[in-house]
Amino acid sequence: MYVYGVMSFNDAGAYFAGSAFGRTPLIKLSPNKTVEGYIGGAVVTVVLTYLYTRLIFDKPYMVCPVEKLSFKPFFYESCEIPLVYSL
């Protein structure tokens, strides 16, 4: 799920940056791709991925291990968030 979100950030960023600022063709194989879209996609991906991970890792139910199955949504026993997830 996380990887698909990051790919969407890249695709959307490249599309909008290329549409708004694109003038220089990237490759002849695909004439609508531009250098500006490529750079815009990279910048948008880095920024939004950082914000996305900050949003996800602040939620205990996203980082705490599950030890017993429950059918209650977002149910988790209190746990200490591992240090590796603190940014």
PDB file of N, CA and C in Angstrom:
ATOM      1  N   MET A   1       0.821  -1.181   0.000  1.00  0.00           N
ATOM      2  CA  MET A   1       0.000   0.000   0.000  1.00  0.00           C
ATOM      3  C   MET A   1       0.870   1.252   0.000  1.00  0.00           C
ATOM      4  N   TYR A   2       1.914   1.247   0.782  1.00  0.00           N
ATOM      5  CA  TYR A   2       2.777   2.416   0.899  1.00  0.00           C
ATOM      6  C   TYR A   2       3.480   2.717  -0.429  1.00  0.00           C
ATOM      7  N   VAL A   3       3.927   1.681  -1.105  1.00  0.00           N
ATOM      8  CA  VAL A   3       4.645   1.862  -2.365  1.00  0.00           C
ATOM      9  C   VAL A   3       3.725   2.432  -3.433  1.00  0.00           C
ATOM     10  N   TYR A   4       2.468   1.990  -3.464  1.00  0.00           N
ATOM     11  CA  TYR A   4       1.533   2.497  -4.463  1.00  0.00           C
ATOM     12  C   TYR A   4       1.253   3.976  -4.241  1.00  0.00           C
ATOM     13  N   GLY A   5       1.205   4.415  -2.998  1.00  0.00           N
ATOM     14  CA  GLY A   5       1.016   5.837  -2.707  1.00  0.00           C
ATOM     15  C   GLY A   5       2.176   6.667  -3.214  1.00  0.00           C
ATOM     16  N   VAL A   6       3.396   6.167  -3.025  1.00  0.00           N
ATOM     17  CA  VAL A   6       4.584   6.893  -3.478  1.00  0.00           C
ATOM     18  C   VAL A   6       4.622   6.950  -5.004  1.00  0.00           C
ATOM     19  N   MET A   7       4.244   5.872  -5.668  1.00  0.00           N
ATOM     20  CA  MET A   7       4.211   5.884  -7.136  1.00  0.00           C
ATOM     21  C   MET A   7       3.170   6.878  -7.638  1.00  0.00           C
ATOM     22  N   SER A   8       2.068   6.990  -6.950  1.00  0.00           N
ATOM     23  CA  SER A   8       1.046   7.960  -7.340  1.00  0.00           C
ATOM     24  C   SER A   8       1.552   9.382  -7.162  1.00  0.00           C
ATOM     25  N   PHE A   9       2.310   9.624  -6.096  1.00  0.00           N
ATOM     26  CA  PHE A   9       2.905  10.949  -5.895  1.00  0.00           C
ATOM     27  C   PHE A   9       3.804  11.291  -7.076  1.00  0.00           C
ATOM     28  N   ASN A  10       4.616  10.340  -7.501  1.00  0.00           N
ATOM     29  CA  ASN A  10       5.541  10.580  -8.597  1.00  0.00           C
ATOM     30  C   ASN A  10       4.792  10.837  -9.895  1.00  0.00           C
ATOM     31  N   ASP A  11       3.824  10.013 -10.207  1.00  0.00           N
ATOM     32  CA  ASP A  11       3.068  10.178 -11.452  1.00  0.00           C
ATOM     33  C   ASP A  11       2.334  11.514 -11.489  1.00  0.00           C
ATOM     34  N   ALA A  12       1.660  11.842 -10.403  1.00  0.00           N
ATOM     35  CA  ALA A  12       0.897  13.095 -10.366  1.00  0.00           C
ATOM     36  C   ALA A  12       1.826  14.305 -10.420  1.00  0.00           C
ATOM     37  N   GLY A  13       2.915  14.264  -9.671  1.00  0.00           N
ATOM     38  CA  GLY A  13       3.870  15.380  -9.686  1.00  0.00           C
ATOM     39  C   GLY A  13       4.495  15.580 -11.043  1.00  0.00           C
ATOM     40  N   ALA A  14       4.871  14.495 -11.707  1.00  0.00           N
ATOM     41  CA  ALA A  14       5.466  14.602 -13.038  1.00  0.00           C
ATOM     42  C   ALA A  14       4.450  15.122 -14.055  1.00  0.00           C
ATOM     43  N   TYR A  15       3.223  14.669 -13.947  1.00  0.00           N
ATOM     44  CA  TYR A  15       2.196  15.121 -14.883  1.00  0.00           C
ATOM     45  C   TYR A  15       1.947  16.621 -14.735  1.00  0.00           C
ATOM     46  N   PHE A  16       1.717  17.073 -13.500  1.00  0.00           N
ATOM     47  CA  PHE A  16       1.397  18.485 -13.300  1.00  0.00           C
ATOM     48  C   PHE A  16       2.589  19.400 -13.575  1.00  0.00           C
ATOM     49  N   ALA A  17       3.780  18.991 -13.180  1.00  0.00           N
ATOM     50  CA  ALA A  17       4.962  19.810 -13.465  1.00  0.00           C
ATOM     51  C   ALA A  17       5.232  19.848 -14.960  1.00  0.00           C
ATOM     52  N   GLY A  18       5.093  18.713 -15.638  1.00  0.00           N
ATOM     53  CA  GLY A  18       5.301  18.687 -17.080  1.00  0.00           C
ATOM     54  C   GLY A  18       4.263  19.488 -17.837  1.00  0.00           C
ATOM     55  N   SER A  19       3.017  19.449 -17.366  1.00  0.00           N
ATOM     56  CA  SER A  19       1.961  20.222 -18.014  1.00  0.00           C
ATOM     57  C   SER A  19       2.165  21.719 -17.826  1.00  0.00           C
ATOM     58  N   ALA A  20       2.603  22.104 -16.644  1.00  0.00           N
ATOM     59  CA  ALA A  20       2.746  23.522 -16.342  1.00  0.00           C
ATOM     60  C   ALA A  20       4.038  24.125 -16.896  1.00  0.00           C
ATOM     61  N   PHE A  21       5.148  23.396 -16.777  1.00  0.00           N
ATOM     62  CA  PHE A  21       6.450  23.981 -17.097  1.00  0.00           C
ATOM     63  C   PHE A  21       7.194  23.274 -18.237  1.00  0.00           C
ATOM     64  N   GLY A  22       6.660  22.168 -18.734  1.00  0.00           N
ATOM     65  CA  GLY A  22       7.401  21.327 -19.670  1.00  0.00           C
ATOM     66  C   GLY A  22       7.651  21.944 -21.036  1.00  0.00           C
ATOM     67  N   ARG A  23       8.931  22.048 -21.383  1.00  0.00           N
ATOM     68  CA  ARG A  23       9.321  22.556 -22.701  1.00  0.00           C
ATOM     69  C   ARG A  23      10.379  21.669 -23.362  1.00  0.00           C
ATOM     70  N   THR A  24      11.242  21.061 -22.555  1.00  0.00           N
ATOM     71  CA  THR A  24      12.373  20.298 -23.066  1.00  0.00           C
ATOM     72  C   THR A  24      12.016  18.814 -23.148  1.00  0.00           C
ATOM     73  N   PRO A  25      11.993  18.203 -24.326  1.00  0.00           N
ATOM     74  CA  PRO A  25      11.686  16.774 -24.430  1.00  0.00           C
ATOM     75  C   PRO A  25      12.723  15.917 -23.704  1.00  0.00           C
ATOM     76  N   LEU A  26      12.247  14.868 -23.043  1.00  0.00           N
ATOM     77  CA  LEU A  26      13.140  13.986 -22.290  1.00  0.00           C
ATOM     78  C   LEU A  26      13.758  12.932 -23.206  1.00  0.00           C
ATOM     79  N   ILE A  27      12.926  12.180 -23.918  1.00  0.00           N
ATOM     80  CA  ILE A  27      13.417  11.165 -24.853  1.00  0.00           C
ATOM     81  C   ILE A  27      12.531  11.167 -26.098  1.00  0.00           C
ATOM     82  N   LYS A  28      13.069  10.702 -27.190  1.00  0.00           N
ATOM     83  CA  LYS A  28      12.301  10.674 -28.439  1.00  0.00           C
ATOM     84  C   LYS A  28      11.271   9.554 -28.451  1.00  0.00           C
ATOM     85  N   LEU A  29      11.496   8.522 -27.655  1.00  0.00           N
ATOM     86  CA  LEU A  29      10.579   7.391 -27.611  1.00  0.00           C
ATOM     87  C   LEU A  29       9.199   7.810 -27.121  1.00  0.00           C
ATOM     88  N   SER A  30       9.161   8.726 -26.180  1.00  0.00           N
ATOM     89  CA  SER A  30       7.897   9.237 -25.656  1.00  0.00           C
ATOM     90  C   SER A  30       7.935  10.765 -25.741  1.00  0.00           C
ATOM     91  N   PRO A  31       7.388  11.342 -26.783  1.00  0.00           N
ATOM     92  CA  PRO A  31       7.560  12.767 -27.039  1.00  0.00           C
ATOM     93  C   PRO A  31       6.871  13.689 -26.035  1.00  0.00           C
ATOM     94  N   ASN A  32       5.920  13.201 -25.267  1.00  0.00           N
ATOM     95  CA  ASN A  32       5.222  14.065 -24.312  1.00  0.00           C
ATOM     96  C   ASN A  32       5.908  14.149 -22.954  1.00  0.00           C
ATOM     97  N   LYS A  33       6.929  13.361 -22.735  1.00  0.00           N
ATOM     98  CA  LYS A  33       7.658  13.427 -21.468  1.00  0.00           C
ATOM     99  C   LYS A  33       8.702  14.536 -21.549  1.00  0.00           C
ATOM    100  N   THR A  34       8.817  15.295 -20.450  1.00  0.00           N
ATOM    101  CA  THR A  34       9.746  16.426 -20.450  1.00  0.00           C
ATOM    102  C   THR A  34      10.704  16.343 -19.275  1.00  0.00           C
ATOM    103  N   VAL A  35      11.824  17.044 -19.392  1.00  0.00           N
ATOM    104  CA  VAL A  35      12.801  17.109 -18.311  1.00  0.00           C
ATOM    105  C   VAL A  35      12.186  17.801 -17.099  1.00  0.00           C
ATOM    106  N   GLU A  36      11.407  18.835 -17.335  1.00  0.00           N
ATOM    107  CA  GLU A  36      10.766  19.556 -16.231  1.00  0.00           C
ATOM    108  C   GLU A  36       9.780  18.664 -15.475  1.00  0.00           C
ATOM    109  N   GLY A  37       9.061  17.816 -16.199  1.00  0.00           N
ATOM    110  CA  GLY A  37       8.157  16.871 -15.552  1.00  0.00           C
ATOM    111  C   GLY A  37       8.908  15.843 -14.726  1.00  0.00           C
ATOM    112  N   TYR A  38      10.034  15.392 -15.250  1.00  0.00           N
ATOM    113  CA  TYR A  38      10.873  14.422 -14.539  1.00  0.00           C
ATOM    114  C   TYR A  38      11.378  15.013 -13.228  1.00  0.00           C
ATOM    115  N   ILE A  39      11.890  16.229 -13.274  1.00  0.00           N
ATOM    116  CA  ILE A  39      12.417  16.881 -12.071  1.00  0.00           C
ATOM    117  C   ILE A  39      11.281  17.220 -11.110  1.00  0.00           C
ATOM    118  N   GLY A  40      10.168  17.710 -11.644  1.00  0.00           N
ATOM    119  CA  GLY A  40       9.015  18.015 -10.795  1.00  0.00           C
ATOM    120  C   GLY A  40       8.480  16.781 -10.090  1.00  0.00           C
ATOM    121  N   GLY A  41       8.433  15.650 -10.788  1.00  0.00           N
ATOM    122  CA  GLY A  41       7.986  14.399 -10.168  1.00  0.00           C
ATOM    123  C   GLY A  41       8.905  13.971  -9.043  1.00  0.00           C
ATOM    124  N   ALA A  42      10.211  14.144  -9.237  1.00  0.00           N
ATOM    125  CA  ALA A  42      11.169  13.768  -8.187  1.00  0.00           C
ATOM    126  C   ALA A  42      11.009  14.655  -6.958  1.00  0.00           C
ATOM    127  N   VAL A  43      10.858  15.948  -7.157  1.00  0.00           N
ATOM    128  CA  VAL A  43      10.717  16.874  -6.024  1.00  0.00           C
ATOM    129  C   VAL A  43       9.420  16.612  -5.264  1.00  0.00           C
ATOM    130  N   VAL A  44       8.321  16.468  -5.990  1.00  0.00           N
ATOM    131  CA  VAL A  44       7.030  16.197  -5.352  1.00  0.00           C
ATOM    132  C   VAL A  44       7.069  14.869  -4.606  1.00  0.00           C
ATOM    133  N   THR A  45       7.722  13.860  -5.171  1.00  0.00           N
ATOM    134  CA  THR A  45       7.819  12.558  -4.518  1.00  0.00           C
ATOM    135  C   THR A  45       8.571  12.645  -3.196  1.00  0.00           C
ATOM    136  N   VAL A  46       9.684  13.346  -3.177  1.00  0.00           N
ATOM    137  CA  VAL A  46      10.472  13.459  -1.946  1.00  0.00           C
ATOM    138  C   VAL A  46       9.680  14.195  -0.868  1.00  0.00           C
ATOM    139  N   VAL A  47       9.062  15.302  -1.219  1.00  0.00           N
ATOM    140  CA  VAL A  47       8.333  16.096  -0.232  1.00  0.00           C
ATOM    141  C   VAL A  47       7.108  15.350   0.294  1.00  0.00           C
ATOM    142  N   LEU A  48       6.279  14.828  -0.595  1.00  0.00           N
ATOM    143  CA  LEU A  48       5.058  14.159  -0.148  1.00  0.00           C
ATOM    144  C   LEU A  48       5.331  12.837   0.559  1.00  0.00           C
ATOM    145  N   THR A  49       6.382  12.127   0.182  1.00  0.00           N
ATOM    146  CA  THR A  49       6.728  10.892   0.875  1.00  0.00           C
ATOM    147  C   THR A  49       7.177  11.189   2.301  1.00  0.00           C
ATOM    148  N   TYR A  50       7.931  12.250   2.492  1.00  0.00           N
ATOM    149  CA  TYR A  50       8.323  12.645   3.849  1.00  0.00           C
ATOM    150  C   TYR A  50       7.088  12.961   4.693  1.00  0.00           C
ATOM    151  N   LEU A  51       6.169  13.746   4.153  1.00  0.00           N
ATOM    152  CA  LEU A  51       4.957  14.097   4.899  1.00  0.00           C
ATOM    153  C   LEU A  51       4.079  12.873   5.152  1.00  0.00           C
ATOM    154  N   TYR A  52       3.997  11.984   4.184  1.00  0.00           N
ATOM    155  CA  TYR A  52       3.196  10.768   4.308  1.00  0.00           C
ATOM    156  C   TYR A  52       3.732   9.852   5.411  1.00  0.00           C
ATOM    157  N   THR A  53       5.043   9.691   5.468  1.00  0.00           N
ATOM    158  CA  THR A  53       5.616   8.849   6.514  1.00  0.00           C
ATOM    159  C   THR A  53       5.449   9.482   7.883  1.00  0.00           C
ATOM    160  N   ARG A  54       5.533  10.787   7.984  1.00  0.00           N
ATOM    161  CA  ARG A  54       5.287  11.459   9.268  1.00  0.00           C
ATOM    162  C   ARG A  54       3.854  11.202   9.727  1.00  0.00           C
ATOM    163  N   LEU A  55       2.920  11.227   8.805  1.00  0.00           N
ATOM    164  CA  LEU A  55       1.519  10.990   9.135  1.00  0.00           C
ATOM    165  C   LEU A  55       1.295   9.549   9.592  1.00  0.00           C
ATOM    166  N   ILE A  56       1.885   8.592   8.896  1.00  0.00           N
ATOM    167  CA  ILE A  56       1.667   7.182   9.219  1.00  0.00           C
ATOM    168  C   ILE A  56       2.359   6.775  10.513  1.00  0.00           C
ATOM    169  N   PHE A  57       3.599   7.160  10.699  1.00  0.00           N
ATOM    170  CA  PHE A  57       4.359   6.675  11.844  1.00  0.00           C
ATOM    171  C   PHE A  57       3.964   7.338  13.153  1.00  0.00           C
ATOM    172  N   ASP A  58       3.101   8.329  13.128  1.00  0.00           N
ATOM    173  CA  ASP A  58       2.596   8.922  14.357  1.00  0.00           C
ATOM    174  C   ASP A  58       1.435   8.134  14.939  1.00  0.00           C
ATOM    175  N   LYS A  59       0.906   7.181  14.206  1.00  0.00           N
ATOM    176  CA  LYS A  59      -0.235   6.388  14.658  1.00  0.00           C
ATOM    177  C   LYS A  59       0.248   5.079  15.262  1.00  0.00           C
ATOM    178  N   PRO A  60      -0.051   4.829  16.534  1.00  0.00           N
ATOM    179  CA  PRO A  60       0.423   3.590  17.174  1.00  0.00           C
ATOM    180  C   PRO A  60      -0.082   2.330  16.480  1.00  0.00           C
ATOM    181  N   TYR A  61      -1.291   2.344  15.931  1.00  0.00           N
ATOM    182  CA  TYR A  61      -1.809   1.135  15.292  1.00  0.00           C
ATOM    183  C   TYR A  61      -1.105   0.820  13.982  1.00  0.00           C
ATOM    184  N   MET A  62      -0.271   1.727  13.477  1.00  0.00           N
ATOM    185  CA  MET A  62       0.486   1.449  12.262  1.00  0.00           C
ATOM    186  C   MET A  62       1.873   0.864  12.551  1.00  0.00           C
ATOM    187  N   VAL A  63       2.377   1.044  13.764  1.00  0.00           N
ATOM    188  CA  VAL A  63       3.736   0.610  14.055  1.00  0.00           C
ATOM    189  C   VAL A  63       3.838  -0.409  15.184  1.00  0.00           C
ATOM    190  N   CYS A  64       2.773  -0.624  15.948  1.00  0.00           N
ATOM    191  CA  CYS A  64       2.823  -1.586  17.047  1.00  0.00           C
ATOM    192  C   CYS A  64       2.560  -2.997  16.520  1.00  0.00           C
ATOM    193  N   PRO A  65       3.284  -3.969  17.009  1.00  0.00           N
ATOM    194  CA  PRO A  65       3.054  -5.340  16.551  1.00  0.00           C
ATOM    195  C   PRO A  65       1.721  -5.881  17.068  1.00  0.00           C
ATOM    196  N   VAL A  66       1.065  -6.702  16.270  1.00  0.00           N
ATOM    197  CA  VAL A  66      -0.208  -7.318  16.653  1.00  0.00           C
ATOM    198  C   VAL A  66       0.094  -8.681  17.242  1.00  0.00           C
ATOM    199  N   GLU A  67      -0.394  -8.909  18.445  1.00  0.00           N
ATOM    200  CA  GLU A  67      -0.143 -10.198  19.100  1.00  0.00           C
ATOM    201  C   GLU A  67      -1.389 -11.052  19.192  1.00  0.00           C
ATOM    202  N   LYS A  68      -2.572 -10.421  19.111  1.00  0.00           N
ATOM    203  CA  LYS A  68      -3.790 -11.216  19.083  1.00  0.00           C
ATOM    204  C   LYS A  68      -4.758 -10.577  18.099  1.00  0.00           C
ATOM    205  N   LEU A  69      -5.537 -11.417  17.428  1.00  0.00           N
ATOM    206  CA  LEU A  69      -6.442 -10.968  16.392  1.00  0.00           C
ATOM    207  C   LEU A  69      -7.697 -10.394  17.015  1.00  0.00           C
ATOM    208  N   SER A  70      -8.143  -9.257  16.523  1.00  0.00           N
ATOM    209  CA  SER A  70      -9.375  -8.632  16.978  1.00  0.00           C
ATOM    210  C   SER A  70     -10.123  -8.125  15.766  1.00  0.00           C
ATOM    211  N   PHE A  71     -11.433  -8.122  15.851  1.00  0.00           N
ATOM    212  CA  PHE A  71     -12.242  -7.642  14.740  1.00  0.00           C
ATOM    213  C   PHE A  71     -12.714  -6.210  14.942  1.00  0.00           C
ATOM    214  N   LYS A  72     -12.224  -5.560  15.978  1.00  0.00           N
ATOM    215  CA  LYS A  72     -12.539  -4.154  16.209  1.00  0.00           C
ATOM    216  C   LYS A  72     -11.591  -3.306  15.349  1.00  0.00           C
ATOM    217  N   PRO A  73     -12.123  -2.327  14.619  1.00  0.00           N
ATOM    218  CA  PRO A  73     -11.231  -1.517  13.791  1.00  0.00           C
ATOM    219  C   PRO A  73     -10.299  -0.655  14.640  1.00  0.00           C
ATOM    220  N   PHE A  74      -9.054  -0.597  14.252  1.00  0.00           N
ATOM    221  CA  PHE A  74      -8.020   0.205  14.909  1.00  0.00           C
ATOM    222  C   PHE A  74      -7.845  -0.174  16.381  1.00  0.00           C
ATOM    223  N   PHE A  75      -8.115  -1.419  16.712  1.00  0.00           N
ATOM    224  CA  PHE A  75      -7.931  -1.876  18.085  1.00  0.00           C
ATOM    225  C   PHE A  75      -6.477  -2.269  18.289  1.00  0.00           C
ATOM    226  N   TYR A  76      -5.896  -1.762  19.331  1.00  0.00           N
ATOM    227  CA  TYR A  76      -4.534  -2.142  19.683  1.00  0.00           C
ATOM    228  C   TYR A  76      -4.363  -1.945  21.169  1.00  0.00           C
ATOM    229  N   GLU A  77      -3.579  -2.798  21.742  1.00  0.00           N
ATOM    230  CA  GLU A  77      -3.219  -2.601  23.134  1.00  0.00           C
ATOM    231  C   GLU A  77      -2.116  -1.562  23.164  1.00  0.00           C
ATOM    232  N   SER A  78      -2.055  -0.828  24.237  1.00  0.00           N
ATOM    233  CA  SER A  78      -1.042   0.219  24.295  1.00  0.00           C
ATOM    234  C   SER A  78       0.346  -0.401  24.199  1.00  0.00           C
ATOM    235  N   CYS A  79       1.185   0.240  23.472  1.00  0.00           N
ATOM    236  CA  CYS A  79       2.550  -0.221  23.323  1.00  0.00           C
ATOM    237  C   CYS A  79       3.458   0.984  23.201  1.00  0.00           C
ATOM    238  N   GLU A  80       4.697   0.752  23.456  1.00  0.00           N
ATOM    239  CA  GLU A  80       5.681   1.810  23.286  1.00  0.00           C
ATOM    240  C   GLU A  80       6.152   1.782  21.841  1.00  0.00           C
ATOM    241  N   ILE A  81       6.071   2.924  21.175  1.00  0.00           N
ATOM    242  CA  ILE A  81       6.463   2.989  19.770  1.00  0.00           C
ATOM    243  C   ILE A  81       7.971   2.771  19.671  1.00  0.00           C
ATOM    244  N   PRO A  82       8.405   1.818  18.863  1.00  0.00           N
ATOM    245  CA  PRO A  82       9.838   1.541  18.729  1.00  0.00           C
ATOM    246  C   PRO A  82      10.617   2.790  18.276  1.00  0.00           C
ATOM    247  N   LEU A  83      11.823   2.913  18.745  1.00  0.00           N
ATOM    248  CA  LEU A  83      12.643   4.069  18.460  1.00  0.00           C
ATOM    249  C   LEU A  83      12.936   4.240  16.972  1.00  0.00           C
ATOM    250  N   VAL A  84      12.936   3.136  16.237  1.00  0.00           N
ATOM    251  CA  VAL A  84      13.237   3.206  14.803  1.00  0.00           C
ATOM    252  C   VAL A  84      12.178   4.024  14.049  1.00  0.00           C
ATOM    253  N   TYR A  85      10.954   4.140  14.596  1.00  0.00           N
ATOM    254  CA  TYR A  85       9.906   4.886  13.928  1.00  0.00           C
ATOM    255  C   TYR A  85       9.832   6.348  14.338  1.00  0.00           C
ATOM    256  N   SER A  86      10.657   6.783  15.240  1.00  0.00           N
ATOM    257  CA  SER A  86      10.641   8.187  15.616  1.00  0.00           C
ATOM    258  C   SER A  86      11.539   8.959  14.646  1.00  0.00           C
ATOM    259  N   LEU A  87      10.997  10.028  14.103  1.00  0.00           N
ATOM    260  CA  LEU A  87      11.739  10.799  13.097  1.00  0.00           C
ATOM    261  C   LEU A  87      12.295  12.065  13.703  1.00  0.00           C
TER     262      LEU A  87
END
